[in-house]
PDB file of all heavy atoms in Angstrom:
ATOM      1  N   GLY A   1       8.286 109.087  64.352  1.00  0.00           N
ATOM      2  CA  GLY A   1       9.108 109.953  65.197  1.00  0.00           C
ATOM      3  C   GLY A   1       8.561 111.359  65.283  1.00  0.00           C
ATOM      4  O   GLY A   1       8.536 111.967  66.357  1.00  0.00           O
ATOM      5  N   ASN A   2       8.110 111.875  64.153  1.00  0.00           N
ATOM      6  CA  ASN A   2       7.530 113.220  64.150  1.00  0.00           C
ATOM      7  C   ASN A   2       6.290 113.286  65.029  1.00  0.00           C
ATOM      8  O   ASN A   2       6.092 114.250  65.772  1.00  0.00           O
ATOM      9  CB  ASN A   2       7.195 113.661  62.730  1.00  0.00           C
ATOM     10  CG  ASN A   2       8.421 113.999  61.911  1.00  0.00           C
ATOM     11  OD1 ASN A   2       9.502 114.234  62.448  1.00  0.00           O
ATOM     12  ND2 ASN A   2       8.268 114.001  60.601  1.00  0.00           N
ATOM     13  N   LEU A   3       5.441 112.271  64.949  1.00  0.00           N
ATOM     14  CA  LEU A   3       4.237 112.235  65.783  1.00  0.00           C
ATOM     15  C   LEU A   3       4.619 112.175  67.261  1.00  0.00           C
ATOM     16  O   LEU A   3       4.066 112.907  68.083  1.00  0.00           O
ATOM     17  CB  LEU A   3       3.347 111.054  65.403  1.00  0.00           C
ATOM     18  CG  LEU A   3       2.084 110.890  66.238  1.00  0.00           C
ATOM     19  CD1 LEU A   3       1.176 112.105  66.139  1.00  0.00           C
ATOM     20  CD2 LEU A   3       1.338 109.628  65.810  1.00  0.00           C
ATOM     21  N   TYR A   4       5.568 111.316  67.599  1.00  0.00           N
ATOM     22  CA  TYR A   4       6.019 111.203  68.986  1.00  0.00           C
ATOM     23  C   TYR A   4       6.513 112.551  69.506  1.00  0.00           C
ATOM     24  O   TYR A   4       6.169 112.955  70.616  1.00  0.00           O
ATOM     25  CB  TYR A   4       7.133 110.145  69.082  1.00  0.00           C
ATOM     26  CG  TYR A   4       7.696 109.997  70.462  1.00  0.00           C
ATOM     27  CD1 TYR A   4       7.030 109.259  71.422  1.00  0.00           C
ATOM     28  CD2 TYR A   4       8.897 110.604  70.815  1.00  0.00           C
ATOM     29  CE1 TYR A   4       7.549 109.131  72.706  1.00  0.00           C
ATOM     30  CE2 TYR A   4       9.419 110.477  72.090  1.00  0.00           C
ATOM     31  CZ  TYR A   4       8.734 109.745  73.025  1.00  0.00           C
ATOM     32  OH  TYR A   4       9.232 109.627  74.297  1.00  0.00           O
ATOM     33  N   ARG A   5       7.279 113.253  68.706  1.00  0.00           N
ATOM     34  CA  ARG A   5       7.832 114.541  69.146  1.00  0.00           C
ATOM     35  C   ARG A   5       6.770 115.630  69.281  1.00  0.00           C
ATOM     36  O   ARG A   5       6.977 116.612  69.981  1.00  0.00           O
ATOM     37  CB  ARG A   5       8.947 114.974  68.197  1.00  0.00           C
ATOM     38  CG  ARG A   5      10.206 114.130  68.368  1.00  0.00           C
ATOM     39  CD  ARG A   5      11.356 114.593  67.495  1.00  0.00           C
ATOM     40  NE  ARG A   5      11.149 114.287  66.091  1.00  0.00           N
ATOM     41  CZ  ARG A   5      11.417 113.122  65.516  1.00  0.00           C
ATOM     42  NH1 ARG A   5      11.901 112.125  66.239  1.00  0.00           N
ATOM     43  NH2 ARG A   5      11.217 112.939  64.217  1.00  0.00           N
ATOM     44  N   LEU A   6       5.629 115.459  68.648  1.00  0.00           N
ATOM     45  CA  LEU A   6       4.522 116.412  68.802  1.00  0.00           C
ATOM     46  C   LEU A   6       3.757 116.219  70.114  1.00  0.00           C
ATOM     47  O   LEU A   6       3.049 117.112  70.560  1.00  0.00           O
ATOM     48  CB  LEU A   6       3.532 116.271  67.644  1.00  0.00           C
ATOM     49  CG  LEU A   6       3.963 116.843  66.303  1.00  0.00           C
ATOM     50  CD1 LEU A   6       2.928 116.490  65.227  1.00  0.00           C
ATOM     51  CD2 LEU A   6       4.147 118.344  66.381  1.00  0.00           C
ATOM     52  N   MET A   7       3.899 115.047  70.707  1.00  0.00           N
ATOM     53  CA  MET A   7       3.139 114.723  71.924  1.00  0.00           C
ATOM     54  C   MET A   7       3.692 115.472  73.128  1.00  0.00           C
ATOM     55  O   MET A   7       4.902 115.709  73.225  1.00  0.00           O
ATOM     56  CB  MET A   7       3.215 113.222  72.203  1.00  0.00           C
ATOM     57  CG  MET A   7       2.539 112.375  71.179  1.00  0.00           C
ATOM     58  SD  MET A   7       2.747 110.628  71.605  1.00  0.00           S
ATOM     59  CE  MET A   7       1.836 109.889  70.270  1.00  0.00           C
ATOM     60  N   ASP A   8       2.793 115.808  74.052  1.00  0.00           N
ATOM     61  CA  ASP A   8       3.259 116.388  75.312  1.00  0.00           C
ATOM     62  C   ASP A   8       3.734 115.256  76.231  1.00  0.00           C
ATOM     63  O   ASP A   8       3.602 114.074  75.901  1.00  0.00           O
ATOM     64  CB  ASP A   8       2.180 117.263  75.956  1.00  0.00           C
ATOM     65  CG  ASP A   8       0.941 116.517  76.411  1.00  0.00           C
ATOM     66  OD1 ASP A   8       1.034 115.330  76.822  1.00  0.00           O
ATOM     67  OD2 ASP A   8      -0.152 117.113  76.380  1.00  0.00           O
ATOM     68  N   SER A   9       4.298 115.600  77.363  1.00  0.00           N
ATOM     69  CA  SER A   9       4.901 114.590  78.240  1.00  0.00           C
ATOM     70  C   SER A   9       3.888 113.556  78.734  1.00  0.00           C
ATOM     71  O   SER A   9       4.222 112.375  78.846  1.00  0.00           O
ATOM     72  CB  SER A   9       5.618 115.249  79.414  1.00  0.00           C
ATOM     73  OG  SER A   9       4.702 115.988  80.199  1.00  0.00           O
ATOM     74  N   GLY A  10       2.666 113.984  79.005  1.00  0.00           N
ATOM     75  CA  GLY A  10       1.637 113.045  79.449  1.00  0.00           C
ATOM     76  C   GLY A  10       1.254 112.061  78.356  1.00  0.00           C
ATOM     77  O   GLY A  10       1.067 110.863  78.621  1.00  0.00           O
ATOM     78  N   GLU A  11       1.130 112.553  77.140  1.00  0.00           N
ATOM     79  CA  GLU A  11       0.795 111.681  76.011  1.00  0.00           C
ATOM     80  C   GLU A  11       1.908 110.660  75.767  1.00  0.00           C
ATOM     81  O   GLU A  11       1.642 109.477  75.522  1.00  0.00           O
ATOM     82  CB  GLU A  11       0.553 112.510  74.752  1.00  0.00           C
ATOM     83  CG  GLU A  11      -0.710 113.329  74.803  1.00  0.00           C
ATOM     84  CD  GLU A  11      -0.802 114.362  73.689  1.00  0.00           C
ATOM     85  OE1 GLU A  11       0.234 114.919  73.261  1.00  0.00           O
ATOM     86  OE2 GLU A  11      -1.942 114.606  73.251  1.00  0.00           O
ATOM     87  N   LYS A  12       3.152 111.120  75.850  1.00  0.00           N
ATOM     88  CA  LYS A  12       4.281 110.204  75.678  1.00  0.00           C
ATOM     89  C   LYS A  12       4.277 109.132  76.759  1.00  0.00           C
ATOM     90  O   LYS A  12       4.503 107.952  76.477  1.00  0.00           O
ATOM     91  CB  LYS A  12       5.608 110.971  75.699  1.00  0.00           C
ATOM     92  CG  LYS A  12       5.847 111.805  74.471  1.00  0.00           C
ATOM     93  CD  LYS A  12       7.151 112.579  74.590  1.00  0.00           C
ATOM     94  CE  LYS A  12       7.386 113.451  73.369  1.00  0.00           C
ATOM     95  NZ  LYS A  12       8.618 114.251  73.493  1.00  0.00           N
ATOM     96  N   ALA A  13       4.028 109.533  77.990  1.00  0.00           N
ATOM     97  CA  ALA A  13       4.010 108.579  79.103  1.00  0.00           C
ATOM     98  C   ALA A  13       2.913 107.530  78.916  1.00  0.00           C
ATOM     99  O   ALA A  13       3.140 106.339  79.149  1.00  0.00           O
ATOM    100  CB  ALA A  13       3.828 109.314  80.430  1.00  0.00           C
ATOM    101  N   ARG A  14       1.735 107.970  78.482  1.00  0.00           N
ATOM    102  CA  ARG A  14       0.636 107.015  78.270  1.00  0.00           C
ATOM    103  C   ARG A  14       0.935 106.073  77.110  1.00  0.00           C
ATOM    104  O   ARG A  14       0.670 104.867  77.182  1.00  0.00           O
ATOM    105  CB  ARG A  14      -0.681 107.753  78.050  1.00  0.00           C
ATOM    106  CG  ARG A  14      -1.223 108.406  79.326  1.00  0.00           C
ATOM    107  CD  ARG A  14      -2.614 108.989  79.148  1.00  0.00           C
ATOM    108  NE  ARG A  14      -2.654 110.107  78.209  1.00  0.00           N
ATOM    109  CZ  ARG A  14      -2.336 111.368  78.502  1.00  0.00           C
ATOM    110  NH1 ARG A  14      -1.925 111.676  79.723  1.00  0.00           N
ATOM    111  NH2 ARG A  14      -2.423 112.324  77.603  1.00  0.00           N
ATOM    112  N   LEU A  15       1.510 106.603  76.038  1.00  0.00           N
ATOM    113  CA  LEU A  15       1.870 105.778  74.890  1.00  0.00           C
ATOM    114  C   LEU A  15       2.875 104.705  75.306  1.00  0.00           C
ATOM    115  O   LEU A  15       2.683 103.513  75.023  1.00  0.00           O
ATOM    116  CB  LEU A  15       2.456 106.644  73.776  1.00  0.00           C
ATOM    117  CG  LEU A  15       3.021 105.885  72.574  1.00  0.00           C
ATOM    118  CD1 LEU A  15       1.919 105.131  71.841  1.00  0.00           C
ATOM    119  CD2 LEU A  15       3.736 106.847  71.636  1.00  0.00           C
ATOM    120  N   VAL A  16       3.942 105.117  75.969  1.00  0.00           N
ATOM    121  CA  VAL A  16       4.969 104.175  76.396  1.00  0.00           C
ATOM    122  C   VAL A  16       4.385 103.142  77.355  1.00  0.00           C
ATOM    123  O   VAL A  16       4.659 101.945  77.239  1.00  0.00           O
ATOM    124  CB  VAL A  16       6.170 104.916  77.011  1.00  0.00           C
ATOM    125  CG1 VAL A  16       7.122 103.956  77.699  1.00  0.00           C
ATOM    126  CG2 VAL A  16       6.891 105.729  75.932  1.00  0.00           C
ATOM    127  N   SER A  17       3.547 103.568  78.281  1.00  0.00           N
ATOM    128  CA  SER A  17       2.918 102.648  79.219  1.00  0.00           C
ATOM    129  C   SER A  17       2.071 101.602  78.492  1.00  0.00           C
ATOM    130  O   SER A  17       2.135 100.406  78.816  1.00  0.00           O
ATOM    131  CB  SER A  17       2.051 103.427  80.217  1.00  0.00           C
ATOM    132  OG  SER A  17       1.377 102.542  81.070  1.00  0.00           O
ATOM    133  N   ASN A  18       1.304 102.028  77.520  1.00  0.00           N
ATOM    134  CA  ASN A  18       0.483 101.084  76.755  1.00  0.00           C
ATOM    135  C   ASN A  18       1.345 100.091  75.993  1.00  0.00           C
ATOM    136  O   ASN A  18       1.039  98.890  75.958  1.00  0.00           O
ATOM    137  CB  ASN A  18      -0.436 101.830  75.782  1.00  0.00           C
ATOM    138  CG  ASN A  18      -1.605 102.484  76.466  1.00  0.00           C
ATOM    139  OD1 ASN A  18      -2.048 102.043  77.504  1.00  0.00           O
ATOM    140  ND2 ASN A  18      -2.101 103.553  75.877  1.00  0.00           N
ATOM    141  N   ILE A  19       2.409 100.576  75.376  1.00  0.00           N
ATOM    142  CA  ILE A  19       3.300  99.688  74.630  1.00  0.00           C
ATOM    143  C   ILE A  19       3.952  98.680  75.569  1.00  0.00           C
ATOM    144  O   ILE A  19       3.978  97.474  75.284  1.00  0.00           O
ATOM    145  CB  ILE A  19       4.359 100.505  73.866  1.00  0.00           C
ATOM    146  CG1 ILE A  19       3.690 101.274  72.725  1.00  0.00           C
ATOM    147  CG2 ILE A  19       5.468  99.598  73.336  1.00  0.00           C
ATOM    148  CD1 ILE A  19       4.578 102.310  72.063  1.00  0.00           C
ATOM    149  N   VAL A  20       4.464  99.160  76.683  1.00  0.00           N
ATOM    150  CA  VAL A  20       5.126  98.279  77.645  1.00  0.00           C
ATOM    151  C   VAL A  20       4.151  97.220  78.150  1.00  0.00           C
ATOM    152  O   VAL A  20       4.483  96.027  78.213  1.00  0.00           O
ATOM    153  CB  VAL A  20       5.746  99.088  78.804  1.00  0.00           C
ATOM    154  CG1 VAL A  20       6.170  98.189  79.958  1.00  0.00           C
ATOM    155  CG2 VAL A  20       6.923  99.906  78.297  1.00  0.00           C
ATOM    156  N   THR A  21       2.942  97.617  78.477  1.00  0.00           N
ATOM    157  CA  THR A  21       1.938  96.669  78.963  1.00  0.00           C
ATOM    158  C   THR A  21       1.679  95.561  77.946  1.00  0.00           C
ATOM    159  O   THR A  21       1.561  94.392  78.307  1.00  0.00           O
ATOM    160  CB  THR A  21       0.618  97.407  79.290  1.00  0.00           C
ATOM    161  OG1 THR A  21       0.877  98.330  80.348  1.00  0.00           O
ATOM    162  CG2 THR A  21      -0.470  96.449  79.699  1.00  0.00           C
ATOM    163  N   HIS A  22       1.636  95.913  76.680  1.00  0.00           N
ATOM    164  CA  HIS A  22       1.355  94.922  75.648  1.00  0.00           C
ATOM    165  C   HIS A  22       2.577  94.094  75.264  1.00  0.00           C
ATOM    166  O   HIS A  22       2.436  92.991  74.740  1.00  0.00           O
ATOM    167  CB  HIS A  22       0.763  95.601  74.411  1.00  0.00           C
ATOM    168  CG  HIS A  22      -0.647  96.022  74.623  1.00  0.00           C
ATOM    169  ND1 HIS A  22      -0.977  97.254  75.139  1.00  0.00           N
ATOM    170  CD2 HIS A  22      -1.813  95.364  74.430  1.00  0.00           C
ATOM    171  CE1 HIS A  22      -2.291  97.335  75.239  1.00  0.00           C
ATOM    172  NE2 HIS A  22      -2.817  96.212  74.817  1.00  0.00           N
ATOM    173  N   MET A  23       3.769  94.585  75.550  1.00  0.00           N
ATOM    174  CA  MET A  23       4.989  93.869  75.163  1.00  0.00           C
ATOM    175  C   MET A  23       5.652  93.110  76.304  1.00  0.00           C
ATOM    176  O   MET A  23       6.535  92.289  76.059  1.00  0.00           O
ATOM    177  CB  MET A  23       6.014  94.853  74.591  1.00  0.00           C
ATOM    178  CG  MET A  23       5.668  95.382  73.233  1.00  0.00           C
ATOM    179  SD  MET A  23       6.967  96.485  72.599  1.00  0.00           S
ATOM    180  CE  MET A  23       8.385  95.386  72.599  1.00  0.00           C
ATOM    181  N   GLU A  24       5.226  93.343  77.538  1.00  0.00           N
ATOM    182  CA  GLU A  24       5.990  92.811  78.668  1.00  0.00           C
ATOM    183  C   GLU A  24       6.037  91.287  78.736  1.00  0.00           C
ATOM    184  O   GLU A  24       6.967  90.726  79.308  1.00  0.00           O
ATOM    185  CB  GLU A  24       5.511  93.413  79.989  1.00  0.00           C
ATOM    186  CG  GLU A  24       4.085  93.129  80.347  1.00  0.00           C
ATOM    187  CD  GLU A  24       3.610  93.972  81.520  1.00  0.00           C
ATOM    188  OE1 GLU A  24       4.392  94.758  82.078  1.00  0.00           O
ATOM    189  OE2 GLU A  24       2.435  93.849  81.875  1.00  0.00           O
ATOM    190  N   LYS A  25       5.089  90.599  78.132  1.00  0.00           N
ATOM    191  CA  LYS A  25       5.104  89.135  78.165  1.00  0.00           C
ATOM    192  C   LYS A  25       5.752  88.530  76.916  1.00  0.00           C
ATOM    193  O   LYS A  25       5.890  87.317  76.821  1.00  0.00           O
ATOM    194  CB  LYS A  25       3.691  88.599  78.341  1.00  0.00           C
ATOM    195  CG  LYS A  25       3.121  88.928  79.705  1.00  0.00           C
ATOM    196  CD  LYS A  25       1.769  88.337  79.922  1.00  0.00           C
ATOM    197  CE  LYS A  25       1.260  88.749  81.296  1.00  0.00           C
ATOM    198  NZ  LYS A  25      -0.083  88.256  81.553  1.00  0.00           N
ATOM    199  N   ALA A  26       6.171  89.372  75.989  1.00  0.00           N
ATOM    200  CA  ALA A  26       6.826  88.885  74.773  1.00  0.00           C
ATOM    201  C   ALA A  26       8.240  88.408  75.101  1.00  0.00           C
ATOM    202  O   ALA A  26       8.862  88.853  76.073  1.00  0.00           O
ATOM    203  CB  ALA A  26       6.882  89.990  73.722  1.00  0.00           C
ATOM    204  N   ASN A  27       8.751  87.536  74.282  1.00  0.00           N
ATOM    205  CA  ASN A  27      10.117  87.059  74.386  1.00  0.00           C
ATOM    206  C   ASN A  27      11.062  88.257  74.372  1.00  0.00           C
ATOM    207  O   ASN A  27      10.857  89.206  73.610  1.00  0.00           O
ATOM    208  CB  ASN A  27      10.369  86.127  73.191  1.00  0.00           C
ATOM    209  CG  ASN A  27      11.776  85.614  73.137  1.00  0.00           C
ATOM    210  OD1 ASN A  27      12.696  86.367  72.834  1.00  0.00           O
ATOM    211  ND2 ASN A  27      11.931  84.344  73.424  1.00  0.00           N
ATOM    212  N   GLN A  28      12.118  88.186  75.172  1.00  0.00           N
ATOM    213  CA  GLN A  28      13.029  89.328  75.289  1.00  0.00           C
ATOM    214  C   GLN A  28      13.716  89.665  73.962  1.00  0.00           C
ATOM    215  O   GLN A  28      13.992  90.842  73.688  1.00  0.00           O
ATOM    216  CB  GLN A  28      14.064  89.070  76.376  1.00  0.00           C
ATOM    217  CG  GLN A  28      14.777  90.339  76.804  1.00  0.00           C
ATOM    218  CD  GLN A  28      15.657  90.125  77.995  1.00  0.00           C
ATOM    219  OE1 GLN A  28      16.716  89.506  77.861  1.00  0.00           O
ATOM    220  NE2 GLN A  28      15.241  90.627  79.142  1.00  0.00           N
ATOM    221  N   ASP A  29      13.990  88.681  73.124  1.00  0.00           N
ATOM    222  CA  ASP A  29      14.587  88.973  71.817  1.00  0.00           C
ATOM    223  C   ASP A  29      13.645  89.827  70.976  1.00  0.00           C
ATOM    224  O   ASP A  29      14.076  90.750  70.284  1.00  0.00           O
ATOM    225  CB  ASP A  29      14.923  87.687  71.061  1.00  0.00           C
ATOM    226  CG  ASP A  29      16.082  86.929  71.680  1.00  0.00           C
ATOM    227  OD1 ASP A  29      16.913  87.558  72.365  1.00  0.00           O
ATOM    228  OD2 ASP A  29      16.153  85.703  71.470  1.00  0.00           O
TER     229      ASP A  29
END
């Protein structure tokens, strides 16, 4: 959480995008 809060808005957006891309085919549970 501390690392996330240190990120600027662009870094947060890229991080979330990467996570979503890798998780989107996983089971919804």
